[in-house]
């Protein structure tokens, strides 16, 4: 299993959406000596299918979405700016940001002025985050646009996104290692879960929120990134309800959870802020009647595992699942 996964990672790296052009030596100034050769120019193709050319690998990066913020940081390039740093720090602990990173506003409405003031040489963002922003930013900086998720091929999408960023910042070796480490963690975790007799066990993964007295629950269905991680470990997603084609997410209420009838289902959830499962539903009769609640098979994930992150977040989630089934 490990060799197959590593081979896939190698294939994706070879097919990464980017090329590096040979450097062109600068001409010496009159009466002077030739300056040092500049770094190679880079051309990459982003999620729009648009080619973006950089004079050299980017070093001053601004990231406007947490998944891409994690990826570029995990590659060893600390961004000069990022959107919603406070939220990132709470929801994503996989790749920590330095105090020097400047906050450029919310992910929904980042500040163009704040981004411009940092004089970046590259901006990373997702298309659904206010598309008109792309045109505004491209007036003064190259922009790479990502889809962020694809429920039909989320692992492939993750690999391509990481390799795209790595090519743009000149860190392809680091990307190869990150993906190989992730694949190795999945293979090792799958072996541990199988050894514990839990291979093929059904699971459900959710988060939730409360508005007034109404509690809404969001299920991570087949095709969601965390579902793909769990299935890579040999588990089976028990949620078969309707989900969207991009994120693999479906919304329901506590009554909807009665569809999870299998006594073997283990229910996972994340709640770094308000815990609607432990607090909001603790006295709810329907919740208490659910098999996984009665069987004490409800597990809160450790805070700070971002379910839409990069390889390091995926490893955090895999480690939490392995611990739940083998601990």
C-alpha atoms as a PDB file:
ATOM      1  CA  UNK A   1       0.000   0.000   0.000  1.00  0.00           C
ATOM      2  CA  UNK A   2       2.790   2.376   0.933  1.00  0.00           C
ATOM      3  CA  UNK A   3       4.651   1.874  -2.324  1.00  0.00           C
ATOM      4  CA  UNK A   4       1.488   2.487  -4.344  1.00  0.00           C
ATOM      5  CA  UNK A   5       0.729   5.707  -2.519  1.00  0.00           C
ATOM      6  CA  UNK A   6       4.304   6.918  -2.873  1.00  0.00           C
ATOM      7  CA  UNK A   7       4.205   6.183  -6.580  1.00  0.00           C
ATOM      8  CA  UNK A   8       1.056   8.275  -6.942  1.00  0.00           C
ATOM      9  CA  UNK A   9       2.744  11.161  -5.128  1.00  0.00           C
ATOM     10  CA  UNK A  10       5.724  10.907  -7.475  1.00  0.00           C
ATOM     11  CA  UNK A  11       3.517  10.931 -10.556  1.00  0.00           C
ATOM     12  CA  UNK A  12       1.682  14.028  -9.381  1.00  0.00           C
ATOM     13  CA  UNK A  13       4.911  15.841  -8.623  1.00  0.00           C
ATOM     14  CA  UNK A  14       6.181  15.102 -12.135  1.00  0.00           C
ATOM     15  CA  UNK A  15       2.929  16.400 -13.586  1.00  0.00           C
ATOM     16  CA  UNK A  16       2.780  19.531 -11.411  1.00  0.00           C
ATOM     17  CA  UNK A  17       1.229  22.570 -13.033  1.00  0.00           C
ATOM     18  CA  UNK A  18       4.410  24.544 -13.484  1.00  0.00           C
ATOM     19  CA  UNK A  19       7.609  25.032 -15.429  1.00  0.00           C
ATOM     20  CA  UNK A  20      10.881  26.661 -14.508  1.00  0.00           C
ATOM     21  CA  UNK A  21      12.711  28.603 -17.190  1.00  0.00           C
ATOM     22  CA  UNK A  22      16.487  28.925 -17.399  1.00  0.00           C
ATOM     23  CA  UNK A  23      17.765  32.164 -15.841  1.00  0.00           C
ATOM     24  CA  UNK A  24      18.865  34.959 -18.143  1.00  0.00           C
ATOM     25  CA  UNK A  25      22.086  36.639 -16.961  1.00  0.00           C
ATOM     26  CA  UNK A  26      21.774  40.392 -16.506  1.00  0.00           C
ATOM     27  CA  UNK A  27      24.045  42.617 -18.597  1.00  0.00           C
ATOM     28  CA  UNK A  28      26.730  44.479 -16.666  1.00  0.00           C
ATOM     29  CA  UNK A  29      26.283  48.192 -16.232  1.00  0.00           C
ATOM     30  CA  UNK A  30      28.746  50.446 -18.053  1.00  0.00           C
ATOM     31  CA  UNK A  31      32.092  50.361 -16.293  1.00  0.00           C
ATOM     32  CA  UNK A  32      30.826  47.817 -13.759  1.00  0.00           C
ATOM     33  CA  UNK A  33      30.908  44.075 -13.138  1.00  0.00           C
ATOM     34  CA  UNK A  34      28.140  41.635 -14.008  1.00  0.00           C
ATOM     35  CA  UNK A  35      25.622  41.167 -11.153  1.00  0.00           C
ATOM     36  CA  UNK A  36      24.858  37.700  -9.756  1.00  0.00           C
ATOM     37  CA  UNK A  37      22.574  35.550 -11.884  1.00  0.00           C
ATOM     38  CA  UNK A  38      18.924  35.948 -10.904  1.00  0.00           C
ATOM     39  CA  UNK A  39      16.690  33.053  -9.889  1.00  0.00           C
ATOM     40  CA  UNK A  40      14.853  31.243 -12.658  1.00  0.00           C
ATOM     41  CA  UNK A  41      11.534  32.544 -13.920  1.00  0.00           C
ATOM     42  CA  UNK A  42       8.515  30.354 -13.189  1.00  0.00           C
ATOM     43  CA  UNK A  43       5.307  29.792 -15.121  1.00  0.00           C
ATOM     44  CA  UNK A  44       2.393  27.987 -13.445  1.00  0.00           C
ATOM     45  CA  UNK A  45      -1.223  27.276 -14.368  1.00  0.00           C
ATOM     46  CA  UNK A  46      -3.792  27.895 -11.610  1.00  0.00           C
ATOM     47  CA  UNK A  47      -7.299  26.654 -10.914  1.00  0.00           C
ATOM     48  CA  UNK A  48      -8.757  28.967 -13.555  1.00  0.00           C
ATOM     49  CA  UNK A  49      -6.598  27.370 -16.204  1.00  0.00           C
ATOM     50  CA  UNK A  50      -4.706  30.658 -16.408  1.00  0.00           C
ATOM     51  CA  UNK A  51      -0.952  30.782 -16.843  1.00  0.00           C
ATOM     52  CA  UNK A  52       0.744  33.010 -14.298  1.00  0.00           C
ATOM     53  CA  UNK A  53       4.374  33.999 -14.869  1.00  0.00           C
ATOM     54  CA  UNK A  54       6.739  35.026 -12.101  1.00  0.00           C
ATOM     55  CA  UNK A  55      10.159  36.554 -12.719  1.00  0.00           C
ATOM     56  CA  UNK A  56      11.517  34.329  -9.955  1.00  0.00           C
ATOM     57  CA  UNK A  57      10.102  32.045  -7.232  1.00  0.00           C
ATOM     58  CA  UNK A  58       7.911  34.112  -4.909  1.00  0.00           C
ATOM     59  CA  UNK A  59       9.205  35.010  -1.458  1.00  0.00           C
ATOM     60  CA  UNK A  60       6.689  37.651  -0.343  1.00  0.00           C
ATOM     61  CA  UNK A  61       3.405  35.750  -0.355  1.00  0.00           C
ATOM     62  CA  UNK A  62      -0.032  36.823   0.872  1.00  0.00           C
ATOM     63  CA  UNK A  63      -2.583  34.051   1.393  1.00  0.00           C
ATOM     64  CA  UNK A  64      -6.317  34.737   1.633  1.00  0.00           C
ATOM     65  CA  UNK A  65      -7.581  31.271   2.584  1.00  0.00           C
ATOM     66  CA  UNK A  66      -6.560  28.989   5.453  1.00  0.00           C
ATOM     67  CA  UNK A  67      -5.869  25.885   3.355  1.00  0.00           C
ATOM     68  CA  UNK A  68      -3.399  27.732   1.159  1.00  0.00           C
ATOM     69  CA  UNK A  69      -1.953  29.524   4.201  1.00  0.00           C
ATOM     70  CA  UNK A  70      -1.191  26.152   5.745  1.00  0.00           C
ATOM     71  CA  UNK A  71       0.314  24.805   2.533  1.00  0.00           C
ATOM     72  CA  UNK A  72       2.701  27.669   1.839  1.00  0.00           C
ATOM     73  CA  UNK A  73       3.799  27.773   5.480  1.00  0.00           C
ATOM     74  CA  UNK A  74       4.353  24.011   5.589  1.00  0.00           C
ATOM     75  CA  UNK A  75       6.606  24.374   2.534  1.00  0.00           C
ATOM     76  CA  UNK A  76       8.893  26.619   4.553  1.00  0.00           C
ATOM     77  CA  UNK A  77       7.769  29.974   3.167  1.00  0.00           C
ATOM     78  CA  UNK A  78       6.284  32.172   5.883  1.00  0.00           C
ATOM     79  CA  UNK A  79       3.700  34.471   4.276  1.00  0.00           C
ATOM     80  CA  UNK A  80       4.078  38.197   4.802  1.00  0.00           C
ATOM     81  CA  UNK A  81       0.308  38.501   5.111  1.00  0.00           C
ATOM     82  CA  UNK A  82      -2.707  36.269   5.646  1.00  0.00           C
ATOM     83  CA  UNK A  83      -6.463  36.651   6.009  1.00  0.00           C
ATOM     84  CA  UNK A  84      -8.101  36.213   9.424  1.00  0.00           C
ATOM     85  CA  UNK A  85      -5.014  35.209  11.386  1.00  0.00           C
ATOM     86  CA  UNK A  86      -6.990  34.925  14.631  1.00  0.00           C
ATOM     87  CA  UNK A  87      -9.379  32.436  13.062  1.00  0.00           C
ATOM     88  CA  UNK A  88      -6.544  30.521  11.437  1.00  0.00           C
ATOM     89  CA  UNK A  89      -4.761  30.193  14.765  1.00  0.00           C
ATOM     90  CA  UNK A  90      -7.921  28.765  16.336  1.00  0.00           C
ATOM     91  CA  UNK A  91      -8.969  26.387  13.555  1.00  0.00           C
ATOM     92  CA  UNK A  92      -5.636  25.331  12.044  1.00  0.00           C
ATOM     93  CA  UNK A  93      -2.689  24.299  14.201  1.00  0.00           C
ATOM     94  CA  UNK A  94      -0.894  22.228  11.541  1.00  0.00           C
ATOM     95  CA  UNK A  95       1.438  25.019  10.394  1.00  0.00           C
ATOM     96  CA  UNK A  96       1.902  27.878  12.836  1.00  0.00           C
ATOM     97  CA  UNK A  97       2.338  31.462  11.687  1.00  0.00           C
ATOM     98  CA  UNK A  98       5.090  33.757  12.913  1.00  0.00           C
ATOM     99  CA  UNK A  99       4.052  36.896  14.827  1.00  0.00           C
ATOM    100  CA  UNK A 100       5.516  38.889  11.926  1.00  0.00           C
ATOM    101  CA  UNK A 101       2.692  37.844   9.562  1.00  0.00           C
ATOM    102  CA  UNK A 102       0.301  40.749   8.982  1.00  0.00           C
ATOM    103  CA  UNK A 103      -3.463  40.319   9.028  1.00  0.00           C
ATOM    104  CA  UNK A 104      -5.043  41.603   5.797  1.00  0.00           C
ATOM    105  CA  UNK A 105      -8.687  41.348   6.818  1.00  0.00           C
ATOM    106  CA  UNK A 106     -11.317  38.656   6.635  1.00  0.00           C
ATOM    107  CA  UNK A 107     -11.330  35.788   4.166  1.00  0.00           C
ATOM    108  CA  UNK A 108     -14.623  37.075   2.778  1.00  0.00           C
ATOM    109  CA  UNK A 109     -13.504  40.706   2.458  1.00  0.00           C
ATOM    110  CA  UNK A 110      -9.724  41.117   2.601  1.00  0.00           C
ATOM    111  CA  UNK A 111      -8.306  44.623   2.366  1.00  0.00           C
ATOM    112  CA  UNK A 112      -6.716  45.432  -0.985  1.00  0.00           C
ATOM    113  CA  UNK A 113      -4.894  48.359   0.612  1.00  0.00           C
ATOM    114  CA  UNK A 114      -3.440  46.125   3.342  1.00  0.00           C
ATOM    115  CA  UNK A 115      -2.302  43.588   0.748  1.00  0.00           C
ATOM    116  CA  UNK A 116      -0.741  46.257  -1.462  1.00  0.00           C
ATOM    117  CA  UNK A 117       1.119  47.809   1.478  1.00  0.00           C
ATOM    118  CA  UNK A 118       2.993  44.532   2.005  1.00  0.00           C
ATOM    119  CA  UNK A 119       4.394  44.682  -1.550  1.00  0.00           C
ATOM    120  CA  UNK A 120       3.836  40.968  -2.197  1.00  0.00           C
ATOM    121  CA  UNK A 121       5.157  39.160  -5.232  1.00  0.00           C
ATOM    122  CA  UNK A 122       2.318  36.593  -5.127  1.00  0.00           C
ATOM    123  CA  UNK A 123      -1.221  36.285  -3.738  1.00  0.00           C
ATOM    124  CA  UNK A 124      -2.931  32.951  -3.101  1.00  0.00           C
ATOM    125  CA  UNK A 125      -6.739  32.857  -2.958  1.00  0.00           C
ATOM    126  CA  UNK A 126      -9.799  30.738  -3.707  1.00  0.00           C
ATOM    127  CA  UNK A 127     -12.164  31.618  -6.533  1.00  0.00           C
ATOM    128  CA  UNK A 128     -15.368  31.614  -4.500  1.00  0.00           C
ATOM    129  CA  UNK A 129     -13.966  34.236  -2.148  1.00  0.00           C
ATOM    130  CA  UNK A 130     -15.281  37.369  -3.908  1.00  0.00           C
ATOM    131  CA  UNK A 131     -14.157  36.827  -7.519  1.00  0.00           C
ATOM    132  CA  UNK A 132     -14.022  40.579  -8.427  1.00  0.00           C
ATOM    133  CA  UNK A 133     -11.119  40.788  -5.993  1.00  0.00           C
ATOM    134  CA  UNK A 134      -8.918  38.864  -8.434  1.00  0.00           C
ATOM    135  CA  UNK A 135      -9.022  41.642 -11.018  1.00  0.00           C
ATOM    136  CA  UNK A 136      -8.285  44.292  -8.394  1.00  0.00           C
ATOM    137  CA  UNK A 137      -5.249  42.419  -7.119  1.00  0.00           C
ATOM    138  CA  UNK A 138      -3.887  41.537 -10.554  1.00  0.00           C
ATOM    139  CA  UNK A 139      -3.373  45.240 -11.225  1.00  0.00           C
ATOM    140  CA  UNK A 140      -0.299  45.135  -8.994  1.00  0.00           C
ATOM    141  CA  UNK A 141       0.569  41.499  -8.150  1.00  0.00           C
ATOM    142  CA  UNK A 142       0.385  38.007  -9.712  1.00  0.00           C
ATOM    143  CA  UNK A 143      -2.522  35.977  -8.302  1.00  0.00           C
ATOM    144  CA  UNK A 144      -2.948  32.201  -8.115  1.00  0.00           C
ATOM    145  CA  UNK A 145      -6.574  31.104  -7.783  1.00  0.00           C
ATOM    146  CA  UNK A 146      -7.502  27.712  -6.299  1.00  0.00           C
ATOM    147  CA  UNK A 147     -10.777  25.784  -6.202  1.00  0.00           C
ATOM    148  CA  UNK A 148     -10.183  24.754  -2.575  1.00  0.00           C
ATOM    149  CA  UNK A 149     -12.090  21.475  -2.909  1.00  0.00           C
ATOM    150  CA  UNK A 150     -13.429  18.961  -5.413  1.00  0.00           C
ATOM    151  CA  UNK A 151     -15.555  16.152  -4.005  1.00  0.00           C
ATOM    152  CA  UNK A 152     -14.904  14.014  -7.080  1.00  0.00           C
ATOM    153  CA  UNK A 153     -11.106  13.996  -6.616  1.00  0.00           C
ATOM    154  CA  UNK A 154     -10.081  15.745  -3.429  1.00  0.00           C
ATOM    155  CA  UNK A 155      -6.780  13.951  -2.879  1.00  0.00           C
ATOM    156  CA  UNK A 156      -5.659  14.646  -6.436  1.00  0.00           C
ATOM    157  CA  UNK A 157      -6.787  18.256  -6.043  1.00  0.00           C
ATOM    158  CA  UNK A 158      -4.840  18.605  -2.779  1.00  0.00           C
ATOM    159  CA  UNK A 159      -1.669  17.226  -4.373  1.00  0.00           C
ATOM    160  CA  UNK A 160      -2.004  19.501  -7.387  1.00  0.00           C
ATOM    161  CA  UNK A 161      -2.612  22.568  -5.212  1.00  0.00           C
ATOM    162  CA  UNK A 162       0.416  21.836  -3.037  1.00  0.00           C
ATOM    163  CA  UNK A 163       2.646  21.233  -6.054  1.00  0.00           C
ATOM    164  CA  UNK A 164       1.366  24.394  -7.723  1.00  0.00           C
ATOM    165  CA  UNK A 165       2.264  26.499  -4.686  1.00  0.00           C
ATOM    166  CA  UNK A 166       5.584  24.671  -4.313  1.00  0.00           C
ATOM    167  CA  UNK A 167       6.541  25.420  -7.918  1.00  0.00           C
ATOM    168  CA  UNK A 168       5.590  29.073  -7.495  1.00  0.00           C
ATOM    169  CA  UNK A 169       7.762  29.467  -4.387  1.00  0.00           C
ATOM    170  CA  UNK A 170      10.614  27.164  -5.451  1.00  0.00           C
ATOM    171  CA  UNK A 171       9.957  24.446  -2.864  1.00  0.00           C
ATOM    172  CA  UNK A 172       9.167  21.332  -4.921  1.00  0.00           C
ATOM    173  CA  UNK A 173      11.462  19.096  -2.865  1.00  0.00           C
ATOM    174  CA  UNK A 174       9.589  20.064   0.282  1.00  0.00           C
ATOM    175  CA  UNK A 175       6.278  19.279  -1.417  1.00  0.00           C
ATOM    176  CA  UNK A 176       7.518  15.822  -2.393  1.00  0.00           C
ATOM    177  CA  UNK A 177       8.449  15.118   1.225  1.00  0.00           C
ATOM    178  CA  UNK A 178       5.160  16.436   2.620  1.00  0.00           C
ATOM    179  CA  UNK A 179       3.149  14.181   0.310  1.00  0.00           C
ATOM    180  CA  UNK A 180       5.363  11.165   0.952  1.00  0.00           C
ATOM    181  CA  UNK A 181       5.049  11.677   4.721  1.00  0.00           C
ATOM    182  CA  UNK A 182       1.263  11.956   4.406  1.00  0.00           C
ATOM    183  CA  UNK A 183       1.034   8.770   2.364  1.00  0.00           C
ATOM    184  CA  UNK A 184       3.294   6.927   4.806  1.00  0.00           C
ATOM    185  CA  UNK A 185       1.112   8.068   7.727  1.00  0.00           C
ATOM    186  CA  UNK A 186      -2.006   6.783   5.955  1.00  0.00           C
ATOM    187  CA  UNK A 187      -0.387   3.416   5.229  1.00  0.00           C
ATOM    188  CA  UNK A 188       0.844   3.015   8.810  1.00  0.00           C
ATOM    189  CA  UNK A 189      -2.523   4.113  10.206  1.00  0.00           C
ATOM    190  CA  UNK A 190      -4.394   1.666   7.992  1.00  0.00           C
ATOM    191  CA  UNK A 191      -2.231  -1.173   9.287  1.00  0.00           C
ATOM    192  CA  UNK A 192      -2.887  -0.177  12.907  1.00  0.00           C
ATOM    193  CA  UNK A 193      -6.648   0.063  12.398  1.00  0.00           C
ATOM    194  CA  UNK A 194      -6.714  -3.319  10.659  1.00  0.00           C
ATOM    195  CA  UNK A 195      -4.648  -4.853  13.465  1.00  0.00           C
ATOM    196  CA  UNK A 196      -7.225  -3.528  15.945  1.00  0.00           C
ATOM    197  CA  UNK A 197      -9.984  -5.326  14.022  1.00  0.00           C
ATOM    198  CA  UNK A 198     -11.608  -2.063  12.927  1.00  0.00           C
ATOM    199  CA  UNK A 199     -11.051  -2.247   9.156  1.00  0.00           C
ATOM    200  CA  UNK A 200     -14.230  -1.331   7.292  1.00  0.00           C
ATOM    201  CA  UNK A 201     -15.848   0.167  10.394  1.00  0.00           C
ATOM    202  CA  UNK A 202     -18.505   2.809   9.580  1.00  0.00           C
ATOM    203  CA  UNK A 203     -17.916   6.365  10.741  1.00  0.00           C
ATOM    204  CA  UNK A 204     -19.609   9.751  10.502  1.00  0.00           C
ATOM    205  CA  UNK A 205     -17.937  13.136  10.736  1.00  0.00           C
ATOM    206  CA  UNK A 206     -19.710  16.423  11.450  1.00  0.00           C
ATOM    207  CA  UNK A 207     -19.584  19.893  12.851  1.00  0.00           C
ATOM    208  CA  UNK A 208     -22.489  22.074  13.925  1.00  0.00           C
ATOM    209  CA  UNK A 209     -23.749  25.453  15.011  1.00  0.00           C
ATOM    210  CA  UNK A 210     -26.635  26.950  16.953  1.00  0.00           C
ATOM    211  CA  UNK A 211     -28.879  29.818  15.894  1.00  0.00           C
ATOM    212  CA  UNK A 212     -31.352  30.699  18.594  1.00  0.00           C
ATOM    213  CA  UNK A 213     -32.789  27.362  19.676  1.00  0.00           C
ATOM    214  CA  UNK A 214     -32.081  25.647  16.351  1.00  0.00           C
ATOM    215  CA  UNK A 215     -29.054  23.392  15.986  1.00  0.00           C
ATOM    216  CA  UNK A 216     -27.826  22.685  12.471  1.00  0.00           C
ATOM    217  CA  UNK A 217     -25.453  19.828  11.746  1.00  0.00           C
ATOM    218  CA  UNK A 218     -23.083  19.633   8.781  1.00  0.00           C
ATOM    219  CA  UNK A 219     -22.059  16.137   7.709  1.00  0.00           C
ATOM    220  CA  UNK A 220     -18.866  15.387   5.806  1.00  0.00           C
ATOM    221  CA  UNK A 221     -20.070  12.968   3.142  1.00  0.00           C
ATOM    222  CA  UNK A 222     -18.198  10.869   0.635  1.00  0.00           C
ATOM    223  CA  UNK A 223     -15.800  13.065  -1.308  1.00  0.00           C
ATOM    224  CA  UNK A 224     -15.156  15.504   1.539  1.00  0.00           C
ATOM    225  CA  UNK A 225     -11.430  15.719   2.237  1.00  0.00           C
ATOM    226  CA  UNK A 226     -11.690  14.232   5.726  1.00  0.00           C
ATOM    227  CA  UNK A 227     -13.870  11.426   4.377  1.00  0.00           C
ATOM    228  CA  UNK A 228     -11.146  10.612   1.867  1.00  0.00           C
ATOM    229  CA  UNK A 229      -8.606  10.539   4.704  1.00  0.00           C
ATOM    230  CA  UNK A 230     -10.747   8.149   6.761  1.00  0.00           C
ATOM    231  CA  UNK A 231     -11.323   5.881   3.784  1.00  0.00           C
ATOM    232  CA  UNK A 232      -7.572   5.862   3.082  1.00  0.00           C
ATOM    233  CA  UNK A 233      -7.272   4.386   6.580  1.00  0.00           C
ATOM    234  CA  UNK A 234      -9.690   1.589   5.672  1.00  0.00           C
ATOM    235  CA  UNK A 235     -12.841   3.054   7.248  1.00  0.00           C
ATOM    236  CA  UNK A 236     -16.256   3.498   5.594  1.00  0.00           C
ATOM    237  CA  UNK A 237     -18.344   6.667   5.552  1.00  0.00           C
ATOM    238  CA  UNK A 238     -21.782   5.847   6.939  1.00  0.00           C
ATOM    239  CA  UNK A 239     -23.408   9.117   5.809  1.00  0.00           C
ATOM    240  CA  UNK A 240     -25.143   8.601   2.471  1.00  0.00           C
ATOM    241  CA  UNK A 241     -27.300  11.727   2.494  1.00  0.00           C
ATOM    242  CA  UNK A 242     -27.154  14.419  -0.172  1.00  0.00           C
ATOM    243  CA  UNK A 243     -23.921  16.413  -0.313  1.00  0.00           C
ATOM    244  CA  UNK A 244     -22.643  19.179  -2.575  1.00  0.00           C
ATOM    245  CA  UNK A 245     -20.272  18.400  -5.434  1.00  0.00           C
ATOM    246  CA  UNK A 246     -17.491  20.720  -4.348  1.00  0.00           C
ATOM    247  CA  UNK A 247     -17.010  20.178  -0.626  1.00  0.00           C
ATOM    248  CA  UNK A 248     -18.867  16.891  -0.088  1.00  0.00           C
ATOM    249  CA  UNK A 249     -20.947  18.497   2.674  1.00  0.00           C
ATOM    250  CA  UNK A 250     -24.573  17.993   3.624  1.00  0.00           C
ATOM    251  CA  UNK A 251     -26.680  19.815   6.205  1.00  0.00           C
ATOM    252  CA  UNK A 252     -29.232  18.184   8.467  1.00  0.00           C
ATOM    253  CA  UNK A 253     -30.643  18.404  11.998  1.00  0.00           C
ATOM    254  CA  UNK A 254     -30.638  16.007  14.920  1.00  0.00           C
ATOM    255  CA  UNK A 255     -33.597  14.124  13.460  1.00  0.00           C
ATOM    256  CA  UNK A 256     -31.590  13.549  10.294  1.00  0.00           C
ATOM    257  CA  UNK A 257     -28.952  11.701  12.279  1.00  0.00           C
ATOM    258  CA  UNK A 258     -31.441   8.882  12.889  1.00  0.00           C
ATOM    259  CA  UNK A 259     -30.409   7.623   9.426  1.00  0.00           C
ATOM    260  CA  UNK A 260     -27.192   6.423  11.082  1.00  0.00           C
ATOM    261  CA  UNK A 261     -28.659   3.188  12.416  1.00  0.00           C
ATOM    262  CA  UNK A 262     -25.626   0.888  12.384  1.00  0.00           C
ATOM    263  CA  UNK A 263     -24.569  -0.004  15.923  1.00  0.00           C
ATOM    264  CA  UNK A 264     -20.929   0.105  14.832  1.00  0.00           C
ATOM    265  CA  UNK A 265     -20.971   3.742  13.703  1.00  0.00           C
ATOM    266  CA  UNK A 266     -18.459   5.962  15.463  1.00  0.00           C
ATOM    267  CA  UNK A 267     -19.356   9.648  15.360  1.00  0.00           C
ATOM    268  CA  UNK A 268     -16.582  12.258  15.140  1.00  0.00           C
ATOM    269  CA  UNK A 269     -16.991  16.007  15.356  1.00  0.00           C
ATOM    270  CA  UNK A 270     -14.944  19.174  15.753  1.00  0.00           C
ATOM    271  CA  UNK A 271     -15.897  22.168  17.868  1.00  0.00           C
ATOM    272  CA  UNK A 272     -13.067  24.544  18.798  1.00  0.00           C
ATOM    273  CA  UNK A 273     -15.643  27.145  19.814  1.00  0.00           C
ATOM    274  CA  UNK A 274     -19.226  26.331  20.871  1.00  0.00           C
ATOM    275  CA  UNK A 275     -19.776  22.588  21.372  1.00  0.00           C
ATOM    276  CA  UNK A 276     -23.336  22.026  20.167  1.00  0.00           C
ATOM    277  CA  UNK A 277     -23.037  18.257  20.538  1.00  0.00           C
ATOM    278  CA  UNK A 278     -21.848  17.997  24.134  1.00  0.00           C
ATOM    279  CA  UNK A 279     -23.770  21.062  25.359  1.00  0.00           C
ATOM    280  CA  UNK A 280     -26.587  21.922  22.981  1.00  0.00           C
ATOM    281  CA  UNK A 281     -27.840  18.351  22.519  1.00  0.00           C
ATOM    282  CA  UNK A 282     -27.084  16.831  25.898  1.00  0.00           C
ATOM    283  CA  UNK A 283     -30.756  16.878  26.952  1.00  0.00           C
ATOM    284  CA  UNK A 284     -32.200  16.127  23.506  1.00  0.00           C
ATOM    285  CA  UNK A 285     -34.141  12.858  23.518  1.00  0.00           C
ATOM    286  CA  UNK A 286     -33.460  12.064  19.866  1.00  0.00           C
ATOM    287  CA  UNK A 287     -29.739  12.641  20.307  1.00  0.00           C
ATOM    288  CA  UNK A 288     -29.617  10.403  23.376  1.00  0.00           C
ATOM    289  CA  UNK A 289     -31.434   7.638  21.468  1.00  0.00           C
ATOM    290  CA  UNK A 290     -28.897   7.460  18.639  1.00  0.00           C
ATOM    291  CA  UNK A 291     -26.877   4.209  18.629  1.00  0.00           C
ATOM    292  CA  UNK A 292     -23.465   5.903  18.655  1.00  0.00           C
ATOM    293  CA  UNK A 293     -24.522   8.073  21.604  1.00  0.00           C
ATOM    294  CA  UNK A 294     -25.923   5.151  23.593  1.00  0.00           C
ATOM    295  CA  UNK A 295     -22.816   3.107  22.815  1.00  0.00           C
ATOM    296  CA  UNK A 296     -20.535   5.979  23.857  1.00  0.00           C
ATOM    297  CA  UNK A 297     -18.978   6.088  20.398  1.00  0.00           C
ATOM    298  CA  UNK A 298     -18.894   9.874  20.078  1.00  0.00           C
ATOM    299  CA  UNK A 299     -15.447  11.427  19.776  1.00  0.00           C
ATOM    300  CA  UNK A 300     -14.603  15.116  19.740  1.00  0.00           C
ATOM    301  CA  UNK A 301     -11.530  15.774  17.612  1.00  0.00           C
ATOM    302  CA  UNK A 302      -8.668  17.741  19.149  1.00  0.00           C
ATOM    303  CA  UNK A 303      -9.079  21.472  18.601  1.00  0.00           C
ATOM    304  CA  UNK A 304      -7.249  22.977  15.675  1.00  0.00           C
ATOM    305  CA  UNK A 305      -7.572  20.251  13.029  1.00  0.00           C
ATOM    306  CA  UNK A 306      -8.668  22.101   9.896  1.00  0.00           C
ATOM    307  CA  UNK A 307     -10.928  19.834   7.855  1.00  0.00           C
ATOM    308  CA  UNK A 308     -10.175  21.714   4.613  1.00  0.00           C
ATOM    309  CA  UNK A 309      -6.418  21.908   5.024  1.00  0.00           C
ATOM    310  CA  UNK A 310      -3.268  20.516   3.453  1.00  0.00           C
ATOM    311  CA  UNK A 311      -1.143  17.412   4.054  1.00  0.00           C
ATOM    312  CA  UNK A 312      -0.271  18.321   7.645  1.00  0.00           C
ATOM    313  CA  UNK A 313      -3.940  18.791   8.603  1.00  0.00           C
ATOM    314  CA  UNK A 314      -4.763  15.485   6.925  1.00  0.00           C
ATOM    315  CA  UNK A 315      -2.088  13.789   9.016  1.00  0.00           C
ATOM    316  CA  UNK A 316      -3.472  15.354  12.198  1.00  0.00           C
ATOM    317  CA  UNK A 317      -6.923  14.021  11.364  1.00  0.00           C
ATOM    318  CA  UNK A 318      -5.569  10.569  10.477  1.00  0.00           C
ATOM    319  CA  UNK A 319      -3.667  10.421  13.772  1.00  0.00           C
ATOM    320  CA  UNK A 320      -6.845  11.320  15.693  1.00  0.00           C
ATOM    321  CA  UNK A 321      -8.816   8.569  13.938  1.00  0.00           C
ATOM    322  CA  UNK A 322      -6.123   5.961  14.555  1.00  0.00           C
ATOM    323  CA  UNK A 323      -6.026   6.899  18.234  1.00  0.00           C
ATOM    324  CA  UNK A 324      -9.819   6.595  18.490  1.00  0.00           C
ATOM    325  CA  UNK A 325      -9.837   3.084  17.062  1.00  0.00           C
ATOM    326  CA  UNK A 326      -6.690   1.757  18.699  1.00  0.00           C
ATOM    327  CA  UNK A 327      -6.200   3.818  21.871  1.00  0.00           C
END
